[in-house]
Amino acid sequence: MGILLRWLGAFILLSATYNPTQVNFTRWAEANWQTQMPLTILLGLLLGVGYMIYIGATLRSIGSFGILLVGAIVAALIWVLIDYQIRTLQNPSLNLWLGIFALSVVLGIGLSWSIIRQRISGQATVDEVQE
């Protein structure tokens, strides 16, 4: 359940920042920058903190190579779906949602990696050793 919530948090963060609908921070900020600059900056900073948490944890836990590997696995999955004609690339909106999903999987796995590793190996991961 914790892994699913971490992935969902990443999906919400990414889709709140930008998505193919009109309901996202980027479009709202463009339309309201002049009239609501302080609120725009506050919300942008809050999104930035969310990205800092997710990207920082992902880089620490799986590193650049892990990010590339998870991204390659998600890309290969999409390729298989296209090859078996389960999925097409004709709908740009759906493609963007698929990209948001793929990035959220990478960030969700990065934030959950210590839990995943512990479940697979039975060993806990500790960042700092206190004496």
Protein backbone atom coordinates (compact mmCIF):
# COMPACT_ATOMS: atom_id res chain seq x y z
CA MET A 1 0.00 0.00 0.00
CA GLY A 2 2.88 2.39 0.81
CA ILE A 3 4.44 1.85 -2.61
CA LEU A 4 1.13 2.58 -4.34
CA LEU A 5 0.71 5.80 -2.34
CA ARG A 6 4.24 6.94 -3.22
CA TRP A 7 3.55 6.30 -6.91
CA LEU A 8 0.19 8.09 -6.65
CA GLY A 9 1.93 11.07 -5.04
CA ALA A 10 4.40 11.22 -7.94
CA PHE A 11 1.55 10.96 -10.47
CA ILE A 12 -0.38 13.77 -8.76
CA LEU A 13 2.75 15.95 -8.58
CA LEU A 14 3.52 15.50 -12.28
CA SER A 15 -0.06 15.84 -13.49
CA ALA A 16 -0.69 18.88 -11.27
CA THR A 17 2.33 20.55 -12.87
CA TYR A 18 1.30 19.81 -16.45
CA ASN A 19 -1.20 17.62 -18.26
CA PRO A 20 -3.20 17.81 -21.51
CA THR A 21 -6.27 19.30 -19.82
CA GLN A 22 -6.72 22.95 -18.89
CA VAL A 23 -6.50 22.08 -15.17
CA ASN A 24 -2.79 22.26 -14.33
CA PHE A 25 -0.36 24.63 -12.67
CA THR A 26 1.47 25.62 -15.85
CA ARG A 27 -1.63 26.84 -17.68
CA TRP A 28 -3.06 28.43 -14.54
CA ALA A 29 0.21 30.27 -13.86
CA GLU A 30 0.38 31.57 -17.44
CA ALA A 31 -3.18 32.90 -17.21
CA ASN A 32 -2.87 34.38 -13.69
CA TRP A 33 0.75 35.52 -13.43
CA GLN A 34 -0.06 39.23 -13.66
CA THR A 35 -2.99 39.24 -11.25
CA GLN A 36 -1.93 36.58 -8.73
CA MET A 37 1.87 36.65 -8.77
CA PRO A 38 2.40 35.89 -5.03
CA LEU A 39 0.09 32.86 -5.14
CA THR A 40 1.70 31.67 -8.37
CA ILE A 41 5.14 31.86 -6.80
CA LEU A 42 3.97 30.11 -3.62
CA LEU A 43 2.38 27.24 -5.55
CA GLY A 44 5.42 26.96 -7.82
CA LEU A 45 7.70 26.74 -4.79
CA LEU A 46 5.49 24.06 -3.21
CA LEU A 47 5.67 22.03 -6.43
CA GLY A 48 9.43 22.58 -6.42
CA VAL A 49 9.67 21.14 -2.91
CA GLY A 50 7.70 18.11 -4.07
CA TYR A 51 10.09 17.60 -6.97
CA MET A 52 13.08 18.08 -4.68
CA ILE A 53 11.81 15.33 -2.39
CA TYR A 54 11.00 12.88 -5.18
CA ILE A 55 14.03 13.53 -7.41
CA GLY A 56 16.45 13.68 -4.45
CA ALA A 57 15.18 10.41 -3.00
CA THR A 58 15.19 8.75 -6.42
CA LEU A 59 18.77 9.80 -7.15
CA ARG A 60 19.93 8.64 -3.71
CA SER A 61 18.13 5.31 -3.83
CA ILE A 62 18.51 4.06 -7.40
CA GLY A 63 20.92 6.58 -8.93
CA SER A 64 21.17 7.71 -12.53
CA PHE A 65 21.67 4.20 -13.84
CA GLY A 66 18.60 2.97 -11.96
CA ILE A 67 16.54 5.83 -13.35
CA LEU A 68 17.65 4.92 -16.87
CA LEU A 69 16.97 1.23 -16.23
CA VAL A 70 13.45 1.77 -14.84
CA GLY A 71 12.73 4.23 -17.66
CA ALA A 72 13.96 1.68 -20.21
CA ILE A 73 11.73 -1.02 -18.71
CA VAL A 74 8.68 1.27 -18.90
CA ALA A 75 9.61 2.27 -22.47
CA ALA A 76 10.03 -1.40 -23.47
CA LEU A 77 6.60 -2.15 -21.98
CA ILE A 78 5.06 0.63 -24.05
CA TRP A 79 6.91 -0.67 -27.12
CA VAL A 80 5.47 -4.16 -26.55
CA LEU A 81 1.95 -2.70 -26.22
CA ILE A 82 2.43 -0.83 -29.51
CA ASP A 83 3.98 -3.85 -31.24
CA TYR A 84 1.05 -6.06 -30.25
CA GLN A 85 -1.32 -3.28 -31.37
CA ILE A 86 -2.81 -2.92 -27.90
CA ARG A 87 -1.76 0.74 -27.93
CA THR A 88 -1.28 3.25 -30.77
CA LEU A 89 0.45 6.62 -30.83
CA GLN A 90 -2.35 8.45 -32.65
CA ASN A 91 -3.74 10.35 -29.64
CA PRO A 92 -1.37 13.12 -28.41
CA SER A 93 -3.30 13.61 -25.14
CA LEU A 94 -3.12 9.94 -24.29
CA ASN A 95 0.58 9.94 -25.18
CA LEU A 96 1.18 12.77 -22.71
CA TRP A 97 -0.75 10.92 -19.98
CA LEU A 98 1.37 7.85 -20.77
CA GLY A 99 4.52 9.94 -20.37
CA ILE A 100 3.29 11.29 -17.04
CA PHE A 101 2.53 7.73 -15.96
CA ALA A 102 6.01 6.54 -17.02
CA LEU A 103 7.78 9.35 -15.14
CA SER A 104 5.61 8.76 -12.08
CA VAL A 105 6.59 5.08 -12.10
CA VAL A 106 10.27 6.06 -12.11
CA LEU A 107 9.79 8.55 -9.25
CA GLY A 108 7.51 6.20 -7.31
CA ILE A 109 10.03 3.34 -7.53
CA GLY A 110 12.83 5.70 -6.56
CA LEU A 111 11.00 6.86 -3.45
CA SER A 112 9.95 3.29 -2.57
CA TRP A 113 13.21 1.51 -3.37
CA SER A 114 14.23 0.80 0.21
CA ILE A 115 10.83 -0.83 0.86
CA ILE A 116 11.07 -2.87 -2.34
CA ARG A 117 14.63 -3.96 -1.53
CA GLN A 118 13.65 -4.93 2.02
CA ARG A 119 10.71 -7.02 0.79
CA ILE A 120 12.85 -8.79 -1.80
CA SER A 121 15.94 -9.41 0.32
CA GLY A 122 14.56 -9.30 3.86
CA GLN A 123 17.26 -6.79 4.83
CA ALA A 124 16.57 -3.27 6.02
CA THR A 125 18.35 -0.32 4.40
CA VAL A 126 19.82 2.41 6.59
CA ASP A 127 21.20 5.70 5.28
CA GLU A 128 23.08 6.79 8.40
CA VAL A 129 24.82 4.75 11.07
CA GLN A 130 24.71 6.25 14.54
CA GLU A 131 27.22 5.16 17.13
